[in-house]
């Protein structure tokens, strides 16, 4: 178990800088330049785990109101443990949460339920 947790603590499989969005005219733009709503939609609909993990990484720079809940959804439902872990890392960056166990996604849910109002205020959300 320690070797598995060590893998998740020490690195990532994803390289978000390499991801591109293909445009209708045949050109492409870096996925990091896509708006947050589209990234969130792709985070749950993209078939390729590599892309979902890269999108989770990109979302670290998108401190917006709807991001934490989307990351929580991914942590609870994605088929890939690597994607779920990347979503947790991004959640930690955005919310200042620090988990005790890299593979414990429930502690994240519990913490957010207790700190949701503060997190949303810090993100500038209007209730």
N, C-alpha and C. Protein backbone atom coordinates (compact mmCIF):
# COMPACT_ATOMS: atom_id res chain seq x y z
N UNK A 1 0.82 -1.20 0.00
CA UNK A 1 0.00 0.00 0.00
C UNK A 1 0.86 1.26 0.00
N UNK A 2 1.99 1.22 0.73
CA UNK A 2 2.85 2.39 0.79
C UNK A 2 3.43 2.75 -0.57
N UNK A 3 3.76 1.75 -1.37
CA UNK A 3 4.31 2.05 -2.69
C UNK A 3 3.26 2.70 -3.59
N UNK A 4 2.02 2.30 -3.44
CA UNK A 4 0.94 2.91 -4.22
C UNK A 4 0.74 4.35 -3.80
N UNK A 5 0.67 4.58 -2.50
CA UNK A 5 0.50 5.95 -2.01
C UNK A 5 1.70 6.80 -2.37
N UNK A 6 2.89 6.22 -2.34
CA UNK A 6 4.10 6.94 -2.70
C UNK A 6 4.04 7.45 -4.14
N UNK A 7 3.52 6.63 -5.03
CA UNK A 7 3.36 7.06 -6.42
C UNK A 7 2.49 8.31 -6.51
N UNK A 8 1.37 8.30 -5.80
CA UNK A 8 0.45 9.42 -5.87
C UNK A 8 0.99 10.66 -5.16
N UNK A 9 1.84 10.47 -4.18
CA UNK A 9 2.43 11.61 -3.47
C UNK A 9 3.57 12.24 -4.24
N UNK A 10 4.27 11.46 -5.02
CA UNK A 10 5.52 11.95 -5.62
C UNK A 10 5.40 12.51 -7.02
N UNK A 11 4.29 12.29 -7.68
CA UNK A 11 4.24 12.78 -9.05
C UNK A 11 2.87 12.70 -9.66
N UNK A 12 2.86 12.85 -10.97
CA UNK A 12 1.62 12.81 -11.72
C UNK A 12 1.88 12.16 -13.07
N UNK A 13 0.86 11.61 -13.65
CA UNK A 13 0.94 11.02 -14.98
C UNK A 13 0.60 12.05 -16.05
N UNK A 14 0.11 13.20 -15.64
CA UNK A 14 -0.48 14.13 -16.58
C UNK A 14 0.42 15.32 -16.87
N UNK A 15 0.37 15.79 -18.11
CA UNK A 15 1.13 16.96 -18.54
C UNK A 15 0.16 17.89 -19.27
N UNK A 16 -0.48 18.73 -18.51
CA UNK A 16 -1.54 19.59 -19.05
C UNK A 16 -1.05 20.51 -20.16
N UNK A 17 0.21 20.90 -20.12
CA UNK A 17 0.73 21.82 -21.14
C UNK A 17 0.69 21.22 -22.54
N UNK A 18 0.65 19.91 -22.64
CA UNK A 18 0.64 19.25 -23.94
C UNK A 18 -0.76 19.15 -24.55
N UNK A 19 -1.79 19.43 -23.78
CA UNK A 19 -3.16 19.25 -24.26
C UNK A 19 -3.62 20.43 -25.11
N UNK A 20 -4.28 20.12 -26.20
CA UNK A 20 -4.75 21.12 -27.15
C UNK A 20 -6.25 20.94 -27.42
N UNK A 21 -6.89 22.04 -27.80
CA UNK A 21 -8.27 21.98 -28.28
C UNK A 21 -8.22 22.24 -29.78
N UNK A 22 -8.77 21.32 -30.56
CA UNK A 22 -8.81 21.50 -32.00
C UNK A 22 -10.00 22.39 -32.36
N UNK A 23 -9.75 23.39 -33.16
CA UNK A 23 -10.79 24.33 -33.59
C UNK A 23 -11.35 23.91 -34.95
N UNK A 24 -12.55 24.38 -35.28
CA UNK A 24 -13.19 23.99 -36.55
C UNK A 24 -12.36 24.32 -37.79
N UNK A 25 -11.53 25.37 -37.71
CA UNK A 25 -10.73 25.75 -38.88
C UNK A 25 -9.46 24.91 -39.04
N UNK A 26 -9.28 23.92 -38.16
CA UNK A 26 -8.11 23.05 -38.25
C UNK A 26 -6.95 23.48 -37.36
N UNK A 27 -7.04 24.67 -36.81
CA UNK A 27 -5.99 25.13 -35.90
C UNK A 27 -6.28 24.60 -34.50
N UNK A 28 -5.39 24.89 -33.58
CA UNK A 28 -5.61 24.45 -32.21
C UNK A 28 -5.10 25.51 -31.24
N UNK A 29 -5.63 25.43 -30.02
CA UNK A 29 -5.19 26.32 -28.95
C UNK A 29 -4.87 25.47 -27.72
N UNK A 30 -4.01 25.96 -26.86
CA UNK A 30 -3.75 25.20 -25.63
C UNK A 30 -5.04 25.05 -24.82
N UNK A 31 -5.26 23.88 -24.28
CA UNK A 31 -6.47 23.63 -23.50
C UNK A 31 -6.55 24.55 -22.29
N UNK A 32 -5.41 25.01 -21.80
CA UNK A 32 -5.41 25.92 -20.65
C UNK A 32 -6.06 27.25 -20.97
N UNK A 33 -6.23 27.57 -22.27
CA UNK A 33 -6.85 28.83 -22.68
C UNK A 33 -8.35 28.71 -22.90
N UNK A 34 -8.90 27.54 -22.69
CA UNK A 34 -10.34 27.30 -22.85
C UNK A 34 -11.05 27.80 -21.60
N UNK A 35 -12.27 28.30 -21.75
CA UNK A 35 -13.00 28.83 -20.59
C UNK A 35 -13.36 27.73 -19.60
N UNK A 36 -13.57 28.13 -18.38
CA UNK A 36 -13.78 27.19 -17.28
C UNK A 36 -15.01 26.31 -17.49
N UNK A 37 -16.10 26.87 -17.97
CA UNK A 37 -17.32 26.06 -18.17
C UNK A 37 -17.07 24.91 -19.13
N UNK A 38 -16.34 25.17 -20.20
CA UNK A 38 -16.04 24.10 -21.15
C UNK A 38 -15.10 23.07 -20.53
N UNK A 39 -14.12 23.53 -19.77
CA UNK A 39 -13.21 22.60 -19.10
C UNK A 39 -13.97 21.69 -18.14
N UNK A 40 -14.90 22.25 -17.39
CA UNK A 40 -15.68 21.45 -16.44
C UNK A 40 -16.55 20.42 -17.17
N UNK A 41 -17.10 20.82 -18.29
CA UNK A 41 -17.90 19.88 -19.09
C UNK A 41 -17.01 18.75 -19.60
N UNK A 42 -15.84 19.09 -20.09
CA UNK A 42 -14.90 18.08 -20.61
C UNK A 42 -14.36 17.19 -19.49
N UNK A 43 -14.23 17.74 -18.29
CA UNK A 43 -13.71 16.97 -17.16
C UNK A 43 -14.55 15.73 -16.90
N UNK A 44 -15.84 15.83 -17.10
CA UNK A 44 -16.72 14.69 -16.83
C UNK A 44 -17.11 13.92 -18.10
N UNK A 45 -16.94 14.52 -19.26
CA UNK A 45 -17.39 13.84 -20.48
C UNK A 45 -16.27 13.24 -21.31
N UNK A 46 -15.05 13.69 -21.12
CA UNK A 46 -13.92 13.20 -21.91
C UNK A 46 -13.71 11.70 -21.64
N UNK A 47 -13.56 10.94 -22.70
CA UNK A 47 -13.39 9.49 -22.55
C UNK A 47 -11.98 9.11 -22.10
N UNK A 48 -11.00 9.87 -22.49
CA UNK A 48 -9.60 9.55 -22.21
C UNK A 48 -9.18 10.06 -20.82
N UNK A 49 -8.75 9.15 -19.98
CA UNK A 49 -8.34 9.52 -18.61
C UNK A 49 -7.17 10.50 -18.63
N UNK A 50 -6.27 10.39 -19.59
CA UNK A 50 -5.14 11.31 -19.66
C UNK A 50 -5.64 12.75 -19.82
N UNK A 51 -6.64 12.93 -20.67
CA UNK A 51 -7.21 14.27 -20.86
C UNK A 51 -7.95 14.75 -19.61
N UNK A 52 -8.74 13.87 -18.98
CA UNK A 52 -9.45 14.26 -17.77
C UNK A 52 -8.47 14.68 -16.68
N UNK A 53 -7.39 13.95 -16.52
CA UNK A 53 -6.38 14.31 -15.53
C UNK A 53 -5.69 15.62 -15.85
N UNK A 54 -5.41 15.83 -17.12
CA UNK A 54 -4.80 17.10 -17.54
C UNK A 54 -5.74 18.27 -17.31
N UNK A 55 -7.02 18.07 -17.56
CA UNK A 55 -8.01 19.12 -17.31
C UNK A 55 -8.08 19.41 -15.82
N UNK A 56 -8.05 18.38 -15.00
CA UNK A 56 -8.05 18.61 -13.55
C UNK A 56 -6.84 19.46 -13.15
N UNK A 57 -5.71 19.21 -13.77
CA UNK A 57 -4.51 20.02 -13.50
C UNK A 57 -4.71 21.47 -13.92
N UNK A 58 -5.24 21.68 -15.11
CA UNK A 58 -5.46 23.03 -15.64
C UNK A 58 -6.37 23.82 -14.72
N UNK A 59 -7.34 23.16 -14.11
CA UNK A 59 -8.31 23.84 -13.25
C UNK A 59 -7.67 24.45 -12.00
N UNK A 60 -6.43 24.12 -11.71
CA UNK A 60 -5.74 24.75 -10.57
C UNK A 60 -5.63 26.25 -10.73
N UNK A 61 -5.64 26.70 -11.95
CA UNK A 61 -5.54 28.14 -12.23
C UNK A 61 -6.90 28.78 -12.46
N UNK A 62 -7.96 28.07 -12.19
CA UNK A 62 -9.32 28.57 -12.42
C UNK A 62 -10.05 28.64 -11.08
N UNK A 63 -9.75 29.63 -10.31
CA UNK A 63 -10.37 29.79 -8.99
C UNK A 63 -11.76 30.41 -9.16
N UNK A 64 -12.71 29.58 -9.53
CA UNK A 64 -14.07 30.04 -9.77
C UNK A 64 -15.05 29.21 -8.93
N UNK A 65 -16.23 29.76 -8.74
CA UNK A 65 -17.21 29.20 -7.81
C UNK A 65 -17.63 27.77 -8.10
N UNK A 66 -17.74 27.41 -9.36
CA UNK A 66 -18.26 26.09 -9.69
C UNK A 66 -17.18 25.00 -9.76
N UNK A 67 -15.93 25.36 -9.56
CA UNK A 67 -14.84 24.39 -9.69
C UNK A 67 -14.77 23.40 -8.52
N UNK A 68 -14.83 23.83 -7.25
CA UNK A 68 -14.69 22.84 -6.17
C UNK A 68 -15.73 21.71 -6.22
N UNK A 69 -16.99 22.05 -6.48
CA UNK A 69 -18.03 21.02 -6.53
C UNK A 69 -17.79 20.05 -7.68
N UNK A 70 -17.34 20.56 -8.82
CA UNK A 70 -17.04 19.68 -9.96
C UNK A 70 -15.89 18.73 -9.63
N UNK A 71 -14.90 19.23 -8.93
CA UNK A 71 -13.78 18.38 -8.54
C UNK A 71 -14.22 17.31 -7.56
N UNK A 72 -15.10 17.68 -6.62
CA UNK A 72 -15.63 16.69 -5.68
C UNK A 72 -16.39 15.59 -6.41
N UNK A 73 -17.15 15.97 -7.41
CA UNK A 73 -17.89 14.98 -8.21
C UNK A 73 -16.92 14.00 -8.88
N UNK A 74 -15.84 14.52 -9.43
CA UNK A 74 -14.85 13.68 -10.09
C UNK A 74 -14.17 12.76 -9.07
N UNK A 75 -13.85 13.29 -7.91
CA UNK A 75 -13.22 12.47 -6.87
C UNK A 75 -14.11 11.29 -6.47
N UNK A 76 -15.41 11.46 -6.56
CA UNK A 76 -16.34 10.41 -6.16
C UNK A 76 -16.73 9.46 -7.28
N UNK A 77 -16.54 9.87 -8.54
CA UNK A 77 -17.13 9.08 -9.60
C UNK A 77 -16.20 8.65 -10.72
N UNK A 78 -15.04 9.27 -10.87
CA UNK A 78 -14.20 8.92 -12.01
C UNK A 78 -13.69 7.49 -11.88
N UNK A 79 -13.59 6.80 -13.02
CA UNK A 79 -13.12 5.42 -13.03
C UNK A 79 -11.62 5.31 -12.76
N UNK A 80 -10.89 6.38 -13.05
CA UNK A 80 -9.44 6.35 -12.91
C UNK A 80 -9.00 6.92 -11.56
N UNK A 81 -8.28 6.13 -10.80
CA UNK A 81 -7.75 6.59 -9.52
C UNK A 81 -6.78 7.74 -9.73
N UNK A 82 -6.05 7.73 -10.83
CA UNK A 82 -5.11 8.82 -11.12
C UNK A 82 -5.86 10.14 -11.34
N UNK A 83 -6.97 10.09 -12.05
CA UNK A 83 -7.78 11.30 -12.28
C UNK A 83 -8.39 11.78 -10.97
N UNK A 84 -8.89 10.85 -10.18
CA UNK A 84 -9.49 11.22 -8.88
C UNK A 84 -8.45 11.89 -8.00
N UNK A 85 -7.23 11.38 -8.00
CA UNK A 85 -6.17 11.96 -7.19
C UNK A 85 -5.77 13.35 -7.72
N UNK A 86 -5.73 13.50 -9.03
CA UNK A 86 -5.39 14.81 -9.61
C UNK A 86 -6.46 15.84 -9.26
N UNK A 87 -7.72 15.41 -9.26
CA UNK A 87 -8.82 16.30 -8.86
C UNK A 87 -8.65 16.71 -7.40
N UNK A 88 -8.22 15.78 -6.56
CA UNK A 88 -8.01 16.10 -5.14
C UNK A 88 -6.87 17.10 -4.98
N UNK A 89 -5.79 16.92 -5.72
CA UNK A 89 -4.66 17.86 -5.65
C UNK A 89 -5.12 19.27 -6.05
N UNK A 90 -5.91 19.35 -7.09
CA UNK A 90 -6.41 20.66 -7.54
C UNK A 90 -7.35 21.25 -6.50
N UNK A 91 -8.21 20.43 -5.94
CA UNK A 91 -9.12 20.88 -4.88
C UNK A 91 -8.31 21.47 -3.73
N UNK A 92 -7.22 20.82 -3.36
CA UNK A 92 -6.37 21.31 -2.27
C UNK A 92 -5.78 22.67 -2.59
N UNK A 93 -5.36 22.86 -3.82
CA UNK A 93 -4.79 24.15 -4.23
C UNK A 93 -5.84 25.26 -4.17
N UNK A 94 -7.02 24.97 -4.66
CA UNK A 94 -8.07 25.98 -4.74
C UNK A 94 -8.66 26.33 -3.38
N UNK A 95 -8.78 25.34 -2.50
CA UNK A 95 -9.52 25.54 -1.25
C UNK A 95 -8.64 25.66 0.00
N UNK A 96 -7.37 25.36 -0.09
CA UNK A 96 -6.44 25.32 1.04
C UNK A 96 -6.67 24.10 1.94
N UNK A 97 -7.46 23.15 1.50
CA UNK A 97 -7.63 21.89 2.23
C UNK A 97 -6.35 21.08 2.11
N UNK A 98 -5.97 20.40 3.19
CA UNK A 98 -4.81 19.50 3.16
C UNK A 98 -5.23 18.16 3.75
N UNK A 99 -5.32 17.18 2.88
CA UNK A 99 -5.74 15.86 3.32
C UNK A 99 -4.64 15.10 4.04
N UNK A 100 -5.06 14.21 4.90
CA UNK A 100 -4.10 13.38 5.64
C UNK A 100 -3.72 12.13 4.86
N UNK A 101 -4.61 11.68 3.99
CA UNK A 101 -4.37 10.44 3.25
C UNK A 101 -4.65 10.69 1.78
N UNK A 102 -3.66 10.43 0.96
CA UNK A 102 -3.77 10.72 -0.46
C UNK A 102 -4.91 9.97 -1.15
N UNK A 103 -5.31 8.85 -0.60
CA UNK A 103 -6.38 8.06 -1.22
C UNK A 103 -7.72 8.16 -0.49
N UNK A 104 -7.81 9.04 0.48
CA UNK A 104 -9.07 9.21 1.22
C UNK A 104 -9.84 10.39 0.63
N UNK A 105 -10.80 10.07 -0.21
CA UNK A 105 -11.58 11.12 -0.85
C UNK A 105 -12.77 11.56 0.01
N UNK A 106 -13.18 10.72 0.94
CA UNK A 106 -14.30 11.05 1.81
C UNK A 106 -13.94 12.20 2.75
N UNK A 107 -12.68 12.25 3.22
CA UNK A 107 -12.29 13.33 4.12
C UNK A 107 -12.43 14.69 3.42
N UNK A 108 -12.23 14.70 2.12
CA UNK A 108 -12.38 15.93 1.34
C UNK A 108 -13.84 16.37 1.34
N UNK A 109 -14.74 15.42 1.12
CA UNK A 109 -16.17 15.72 1.14
C UNK A 109 -16.60 16.28 2.50
N UNK A 110 -16.15 15.62 3.55
CA UNK A 110 -16.51 16.03 4.91
C UNK A 110 -16.00 17.43 5.20
N UNK A 111 -14.74 17.68 4.84
CA UNK A 111 -14.14 18.99 5.07
C UNK A 111 -14.91 20.07 4.31
N UNK A 112 -15.24 19.80 3.05
CA UNK A 112 -15.94 20.80 2.25
C UNK A 112 -17.33 21.09 2.81
N UNK A 113 -18.00 20.09 3.27
CA UNK A 113 -19.33 20.30 3.86
C UNK A 113 -19.25 21.26 5.04
N UNK A 114 -18.16 21.18 5.79
CA UNK A 114 -17.97 22.04 6.96
C UNK A 114 -17.41 23.42 6.60
N UNK A 115 -16.76 23.55 5.45
CA UNK A 115 -16.07 24.79 5.09
C UNK A 115 -16.57 25.43 3.80
N UNK A 116 -17.66 24.93 3.27
CA UNK A 116 -18.18 25.39 1.98
C UNK A 116 -18.38 26.91 1.95
N UNK A 117 -19.02 27.47 2.95
CA UNK A 117 -19.31 28.90 2.94
C UNK A 117 -18.03 29.75 2.89
N UNK A 118 -17.04 29.36 3.67
CA UNK A 118 -15.78 30.10 3.67
C UNK A 118 -15.07 30.00 2.33
N UNK A 119 -15.04 28.79 1.76
CA UNK A 119 -14.40 28.59 0.47
C UNK A 119 -15.08 29.43 -0.59
N UNK A 120 -16.39 29.41 -0.62
CA UNK A 120 -17.14 30.18 -1.64
C UNK A 120 -16.91 31.67 -1.47
N UNK A 121 -16.83 32.12 -0.23
CA UNK A 121 -16.54 33.53 0.03
C UNK A 121 -15.14 33.88 -0.47
N UNK A 122 -14.17 33.01 -0.18
CA UNK A 122 -12.79 33.26 -0.62
C UNK A 122 -12.67 33.28 -2.15
N UNK A 123 -13.54 32.53 -2.82
CA UNK A 123 -13.53 32.52 -4.29
C UNK A 123 -14.31 33.69 -4.88
N UNK A 124 -14.97 34.46 -4.02
CA UNK A 124 -15.74 35.62 -4.50
C UNK A 124 -17.11 35.26 -5.05
N UNK A 125 -17.65 34.16 -4.60
CA UNK A 125 -18.97 33.72 -5.07
C UNK A 125 -20.06 34.60 -4.47
N UNK A 126 -21.04 34.87 -5.28
CA UNK A 126 -22.19 35.63 -4.82
C UNK A 126 -23.34 34.65 -4.59
N UNK A 127 -23.80 34.57 -3.39
CA UNK A 127 -24.87 33.64 -3.03
C UNK A 127 -26.21 34.23 -3.32
